[in-house]
Amino acid sequence: MRGRISAADTGLISAVLAGGDALCLECITKKTGVPISDVESVLARIGKTLRIERGRFLCRNCLTRRTVFRFA
């Protein structure tokens, strides 16, 4: 475990989601390098200021039907 979630993690995930694609946790991890165990915490932090949609759809990166996240 890396410890605290950094502002850099928040920035990386925000930048990836800013592209508009709905992405699953695994693909967010692959694109950012943020451990999957931290991604949901970072998404919750981002969700305090920006609206994030969550639903079971096709991930635009891996094309697998999973729970995906995107900015609303």
C-alpha atoms as a PDB file:
ATOM      1  CA  MET A   1       0.000   0.000   0.000  1.00  0.00           C
ATOM      2  CA  ARG A   2       1.339   3.419  -0.958  1.00  0.00           C
ATOM      3  CA  GLY A   3      -0.221   5.395   1.810  1.00  0.00           C
ATOM      4  CA  ARG A   4      -1.945   8.714   1.322  1.00  0.00           C
ATOM      5  CA  ILE A   5      -3.673   9.646  -1.878  1.00  0.00           C
ATOM      6  CA  SER A   6      -1.832  12.510  -3.507  1.00  0.00           C
ATOM      7  CA  ALA A   7      -3.009  15.523  -5.459  1.00  0.00           C
ATOM      8  CA  ALA A   8      -1.098  14.054  -8.397  1.00  0.00           C
ATOM      9  CA  ASP A   9      -3.347  10.963  -8.296  1.00  0.00           C
ATOM     10  CA  THR A  10      -6.396  13.206  -8.342  1.00  0.00           C
ATOM     11  CA  GLY A  11      -4.988  15.178 -11.271  1.00  0.00           C
ATOM     12  CA  LEU A  12      -4.124  12.059 -13.263  1.00  0.00           C
ATOM     13  CA  ILE A  13      -7.563  10.534 -12.868  1.00  0.00           C
ATOM     14  CA  SER A  14      -9.289  13.842 -13.606  1.00  0.00           C
ATOM     15  CA  ALA A  15      -7.232  14.229 -16.777  1.00  0.00           C
ATOM     16  CA  VAL A  16      -8.100  10.724 -17.977  1.00  0.00           C
ATOM     17  CA  LEU A  17     -11.819  11.217 -17.345  1.00  0.00           C
ATOM     18  CA  ALA A  18     -11.753  14.681 -18.926  1.00  0.00           C
ATOM     19  CA  GLY A  19     -11.436  12.947 -22.282  1.00  0.00           C
ATOM     20  CA  GLY A  20     -15.134  12.091 -21.954  1.00  0.00           C
ATOM     21  CA  ASP A  21     -14.817   8.320 -22.170  1.00  0.00           C
ATOM     22  CA  ALA A  22     -16.533   6.017 -19.690  1.00  0.00           C
ATOM     23  CA  LEU A  23     -13.767   3.879 -18.178  1.00  0.00           C
ATOM     24  CA  CYS A  24     -13.670   0.951 -15.761  1.00  0.00           C
ATOM     25  CA  LEU A  25     -11.480   0.886 -12.658  1.00  0.00           C
ATOM     26  CA  GLU A  26      -8.957  -1.426 -14.306  1.00  0.00           C
ATOM     27  CA  CYS A  27      -8.494   0.863 -17.305  1.00  0.00           C
ATOM     28  CA  ILE A  28      -8.248   3.974 -15.134  1.00  0.00           C
ATOM     29  CA  THR A  29      -5.482   2.173 -13.235  1.00  0.00           C
ATOM     30  CA  LYS A  30      -3.675   1.193 -16.440  1.00  0.00           C
ATOM     31  CA  LYS A  31      -3.861   4.725 -17.845  1.00  0.00           C
ATOM     32  CA  THR A  32      -2.792   6.517 -14.657  1.00  0.00           C
ATOM     33  CA  GLY A  33      -0.640   4.101 -12.678  1.00  0.00           C
ATOM     34  CA  VAL A  34      -2.757   4.816  -9.585  1.00  0.00           C
ATOM     35  CA  PRO A  35      -3.350   1.521  -7.724  1.00  0.00           C
ATOM     36  CA  ILE A  36      -6.840   0.141  -8.168  1.00  0.00           C
ATOM     37  CA  SER A  37      -7.243   0.138  -4.386  1.00  0.00           C
ATOM     38  CA  ASP A  38      -6.914   3.955  -4.429  1.00  0.00           C
ATOM     39  CA  VAL A  39      -8.947   4.772  -7.536  1.00  0.00           C
ATOM     40  CA  GLU A  40     -12.379   4.674  -5.882  1.00  0.00           C
ATOM     41  CA  SER A  41     -11.164   6.911  -3.039  1.00  0.00           C
ATOM     42  CA  VAL A  42      -9.818   9.399  -5.559  1.00  0.00           C
ATOM     43  CA  LEU A  43     -13.103   9.268  -7.497  1.00  0.00           C
ATOM     44  CA  ALA A  44     -14.998   9.995  -4.266  1.00  0.00           C
ATOM     45  CA  ARG A  45     -12.733  12.984  -3.621  1.00  0.00           C
ATOM     46  CA  ILE A  46     -13.226  14.301  -7.164  1.00  0.00           C
ATOM     47  CA  GLY A  47     -16.983  13.703  -6.810  1.00  0.00           C
ATOM     48  CA  LYS A  48     -17.142  16.295  -4.049  1.00  0.00           C
ATOM     49  CA  THR A  49     -16.577  19.048  -6.619  1.00  0.00           C
ATOM     50  CA  LEU A  50     -17.408  17.490 -10.001  1.00  0.00           C
ATOM     51  CA  ARG A  51     -20.276  15.204 -10.932  1.00  0.00           C
ATOM     52  CA  ILE A  52     -19.145  11.691 -11.782  1.00  0.00           C
ATOM     53  CA  GLU A  53     -21.570   9.216 -13.340  1.00  0.00           C
ATOM     54  CA  ARG A  54     -21.220   5.557 -12.466  1.00  0.00           C
ATOM     55  CA  GLY A  55     -23.030   2.750 -14.244  1.00  0.00           C
ATOM     56  CA  ARG A  56     -22.696  -0.647 -15.820  1.00  0.00           C
ATOM     57  CA  PHE A  57     -21.836  -0.022 -19.455  1.00  0.00           C
ATOM     58  CA  LEU A  58     -19.177  -0.807 -22.014  1.00  0.00           C
ATOM     59  CA  CYS A  59     -15.731   0.510 -21.075  1.00  0.00           C
ATOM     60  CA  ARG A  60     -14.456   2.603 -23.984  1.00  0.00           C
ATOM     61  CA  ASN A  61     -10.907   1.352 -23.476  1.00  0.00           C
ATOM     62  CA  CYS A  62     -11.153  -2.439 -22.986  1.00  0.00           C
ATOM     63  CA  LEU A  63     -14.634  -2.824 -24.535  1.00  0.00           C
ATOM     64  CA  THR A  64     -15.805  -4.952 -21.601  1.00  0.00           C
ATOM     65  CA  ARG A  65     -19.178  -4.458 -19.935  1.00  0.00           C
ATOM     66  CA  ARG A  66     -18.306  -3.349 -16.403  1.00  0.00           C
ATOM     67  CA  THR A  67     -18.989  -0.611 -13.922  1.00  0.00           C
ATOM     68  CA  VAL A  68     -17.575   2.502 -15.580  1.00  0.00           C
ATOM     69  CA  PHE A  69     -17.017   6.097 -14.508  1.00  0.00           C
ATOM     70  CA  ARG A  70     -17.160   9.384 -16.418  1.00  0.00           C
ATOM     71  CA  PHE A  71     -17.732  13.053 -15.856  1.00  0.00           C
ATOM     72  CA  ALA A  72     -21.356  14.076 -16.265  1.00  0.00           C
END
